[in-house]
Amino acid sequence: MEIMFTHPRNSLVYRAEVSNELKIGQALVALQASETGPFLAPPLAGEQDVVILERGNKTIPLTMSIGEAGVMAGDVLQIYRNAQGAALVLK
């Protein structure tokens, strides 16, 4: 089935043909491959990807499959990149 992934830093959208068995984490790795552009750069140290199913605003664990998450043809998966452990100290 075809679904769409949004880019975490700009307005780009990647249309992908996926199977129900594909894990969300595997999809993110594929989006970092040269075959996709790459659409995504690998996360920097301290960054973590979060994927949200736009329909229902539901966070999907990276270990969950497309089918387990209830993703349907035409759905949009929003990719967010969160920084972990980074802090800016102003004096």
C-alpha atoms as a PDB file:
ATOM      1  CA  MET A   1       0.000   0.000   0.000  1.00  0.00           C
ATOM      2  CA  GLU A   2       1.105   3.575  -0.537  1.00  0.00           C
ATOM      3  CA  ILE A   3       1.615   5.891   2.439  1.00  0.00           C
ATOM      4  CA  MET A   4       3.396   9.209   2.937  1.00  0.00           C
ATOM      5  CA  PHE A   5       6.160  10.284   5.300  1.00  0.00           C
ATOM      6  CA  THR A   6       6.701  13.948   6.195  1.00  0.00           C
ATOM      7  CA  HIS A   7      10.222  15.305   6.650  1.00  0.00           C
ATOM      8  CA  PRO A   8      11.086  16.479  10.200  1.00  0.00           C
ATOM      9  CA  ARG A   9      12.812  19.704   9.099  1.00  0.00           C
ATOM     10  CA  ASN A  10      10.993  20.922   5.965  1.00  0.00           C
ATOM     11  CA  SER A  11       7.766  20.488   3.985  1.00  0.00           C
ATOM     12  CA  LEU A  12       8.955  17.561   1.843  1.00  0.00           C
ATOM     13  CA  VAL A  13       6.788  14.444   1.632  1.00  0.00           C
ATOM     14  CA  TYR A  14       7.985  10.996   0.553  1.00  0.00           C
ATOM     15  CA  ARG A  15       5.474   8.576  -0.950  1.00  0.00           C
ATOM     16  CA  ALA A  16       6.379   4.968  -0.198  1.00  0.00           C
ATOM     17  CA  GLU A  17       4.994   1.588  -1.148  1.00  0.00           C
ATOM     18  CA  VAL A  18       5.093  -0.497   2.055  1.00  0.00           C
ATOM     19  CA  SER A  19       3.908  -3.855   3.378  1.00  0.00           C
ATOM     20  CA  ASN A  20       1.982  -4.416   6.597  1.00  0.00           C
ATOM     21  CA  GLU A  21       4.944  -6.380   7.996  1.00  0.00           C
ATOM     22  CA  LEU A  22       7.428  -3.491   7.680  1.00  0.00           C
ATOM     23  CA  LYS A  23       8.547  -2.135  11.067  1.00  0.00           C
ATOM     24  CA  ILE A  24       8.459   1.644  11.513  1.00  0.00           C
ATOM     25  CA  GLY A  25      12.164   1.635  12.442  1.00  0.00           C
ATOM     26  CA  GLN A  26      12.978  -0.291   9.251  1.00  0.00           C
ATOM     27  CA  ALA A  27      11.070   2.300   7.228  1.00  0.00           C
ATOM     28  CA  LEU A  28      13.137   5.099   8.774  1.00  0.00           C
ATOM     29  CA  VAL A  29      16.373   3.282   7.906  1.00  0.00           C
ATOM     30  CA  ALA A  30      15.137   2.876   4.309  1.00  0.00           C
ATOM     31  CA  LEU A  31      14.404   6.617   4.157  1.00  0.00           C
ATOM     32  CA  GLN A  32      18.104   7.201   4.975  1.00  0.00           C
ATOM     33  CA  ALA A  33      19.294   5.012   2.073  1.00  0.00           C
ATOM     34  CA  SER A  34      20.654   6.354  -1.202  1.00  0.00           C
ATOM     35  CA  GLU A  35      17.706   4.754  -3.050  1.00  0.00           C
ATOM     36  CA  THR A  36      15.366   7.300  -1.447  1.00  0.00           C
ATOM     37  CA  GLY A  37      17.581  10.315  -2.059  1.00  0.00           C
ATOM     38  CA  PRO A  38      18.234   9.976   0.921  1.00  0.00           C
ATOM     39  CA  PHE A  39      15.016  11.523   2.189  1.00  0.00           C
ATOM     40  CA  LEU A  40      16.318  11.587   5.777  1.00  0.00           C
ATOM     41  CA  ALA A  41      19.772  12.118   7.204  1.00  0.00           C
ATOM     42  CA  PRO A  42      20.705   9.731  10.017  1.00  0.00           C
ATOM     43  CA  PRO A  43      19.895  11.146  13.459  1.00  0.00           C
ATOM     44  CA  LEU A  44      22.723  13.049  15.102  1.00  0.00           C
ATOM     45  CA  ALA A  45      24.069  11.995  18.485  1.00  0.00           C
ATOM     46  CA  GLY A  46      21.368  12.660  21.058  1.00  0.00           C
ATOM     47  CA  GLU A  47      18.538  12.825  18.513  1.00  0.00           C
ATOM     48  CA  GLN A  48      15.616  10.418  18.473  1.00  0.00           C
ATOM     49  CA  ASP A  49      12.989   9.910  15.762  1.00  0.00           C
ATOM     50  CA  VAL A  50       9.321   9.941  16.710  1.00  0.00           C
ATOM     51  CA  VAL A  51       6.670   8.845  14.207  1.00  0.00           C
ATOM     52  CA  ILE A  52       3.060   9.977  14.508  1.00  0.00           C
ATOM     53  CA  LEU A  53       0.111   8.628  12.523  1.00  0.00           C
ATOM     54  CA  GLU A  54      -1.555  11.864  11.420  1.00  0.00           C
ATOM     55  CA  ARG A  55      -4.993  10.210  11.371  1.00  0.00           C
ATOM     56  CA  GLY A  56      -5.723  10.010  15.077  1.00  0.00           C
ATOM     57  CA  ASN A  57      -2.539  11.810  16.158  1.00  0.00           C
ATOM     58  CA  LYS A  58      -1.109   8.531  17.512  1.00  0.00           C
ATOM     59  CA  THR A  59       2.587   7.964  18.269  1.00  0.00           C
ATOM     60  CA  ILE A  60       3.853   4.716  16.752  1.00  0.00           C
ATOM     61  CA  PRO A  61       6.726   2.861  18.449  1.00  0.00           C
ATOM     62  CA  LEU A  62       9.654   2.200  16.092  1.00  0.00           C
ATOM     63  CA  THR A  63       9.406  -1.535  16.866  1.00  0.00           C
ATOM     64  CA  MET A  64       5.766  -1.737  15.708  1.00  0.00           C
ATOM     65  CA  SER A  65       4.853  -2.863  12.200  1.00  0.00           C
ATOM     66  CA  ILE A  66       2.779  -0.812   9.767  1.00  0.00           C
ATOM     67  CA  GLY A  67      -0.073  -3.330  10.165  1.00  0.00           C
ATOM     68  CA  GLU A  68       0.106  -3.413  13.967  1.00  0.00           C
ATOM     69  CA  ALA A  69      -0.093   0.383  14.008  1.00  0.00           C
ATOM     70  CA  GLY A  70      -3.299   0.321  11.968  1.00  0.00           C
ATOM     71  CA  VAL A  71      -1.780   2.316   9.112  1.00  0.00           C
ATOM     72  CA  MET A  72      -3.996   2.324   6.010  1.00  0.00           C
ATOM     73  CA  ALA A  73      -3.371   3.206   2.365  1.00  0.00           C
ATOM     74  CA  GLY A  74      -3.050   6.963   1.932  1.00  0.00           C
ATOM     75  CA  ASP A  75      -2.129   7.623   5.573  1.00  0.00           C
ATOM     76  CA  VAL A  76       0.469  10.234   6.479  1.00  0.00           C
ATOM     77  CA  LEU A  77       3.206   9.414   8.994  1.00  0.00           C
ATOM     78  CA  GLN A  78       4.777  12.512  10.469  1.00  0.00           C
ATOM     79  CA  ILE A  79       8.443  12.194  11.424  1.00  0.00           C
ATOM     80  CA  TYR A  80       9.711  14.338  14.289  1.00  0.00           C
ATOM     81  CA  ARG A  81      13.265  14.452  15.537  1.00  0.00           C
ATOM     82  CA  ASN A  82      13.736  15.149  19.241  1.00  0.00           C
ATOM     83  CA  ALA A  83      17.025  16.033  20.904  1.00  0.00           C
ATOM     84  CA  GLN A  84      17.785  14.065  24.057  1.00  0.00           C
ATOM     85  CA  GLY A  85      20.107  15.321  26.752  1.00  0.00           C
ATOM     86  CA  ALA A  86      21.041  18.533  24.982  1.00  0.00           C
ATOM     87  CA  ALA A  87      20.801  21.747  26.930  1.00  0.00           C
ATOM     88  CA  LEU A  88      21.615  25.371  26.349  1.00  0.00           C
ATOM     89  CA  VAL A  89      22.762  27.223  29.416  1.00  0.00           C
ATOM     90  CA  LEU A  90      22.516  31.013  29.253  1.00  0.00           C
ATOM     91  CA  LYS A  91      24.353  33.167  31.787  1.00  0.00           C
END
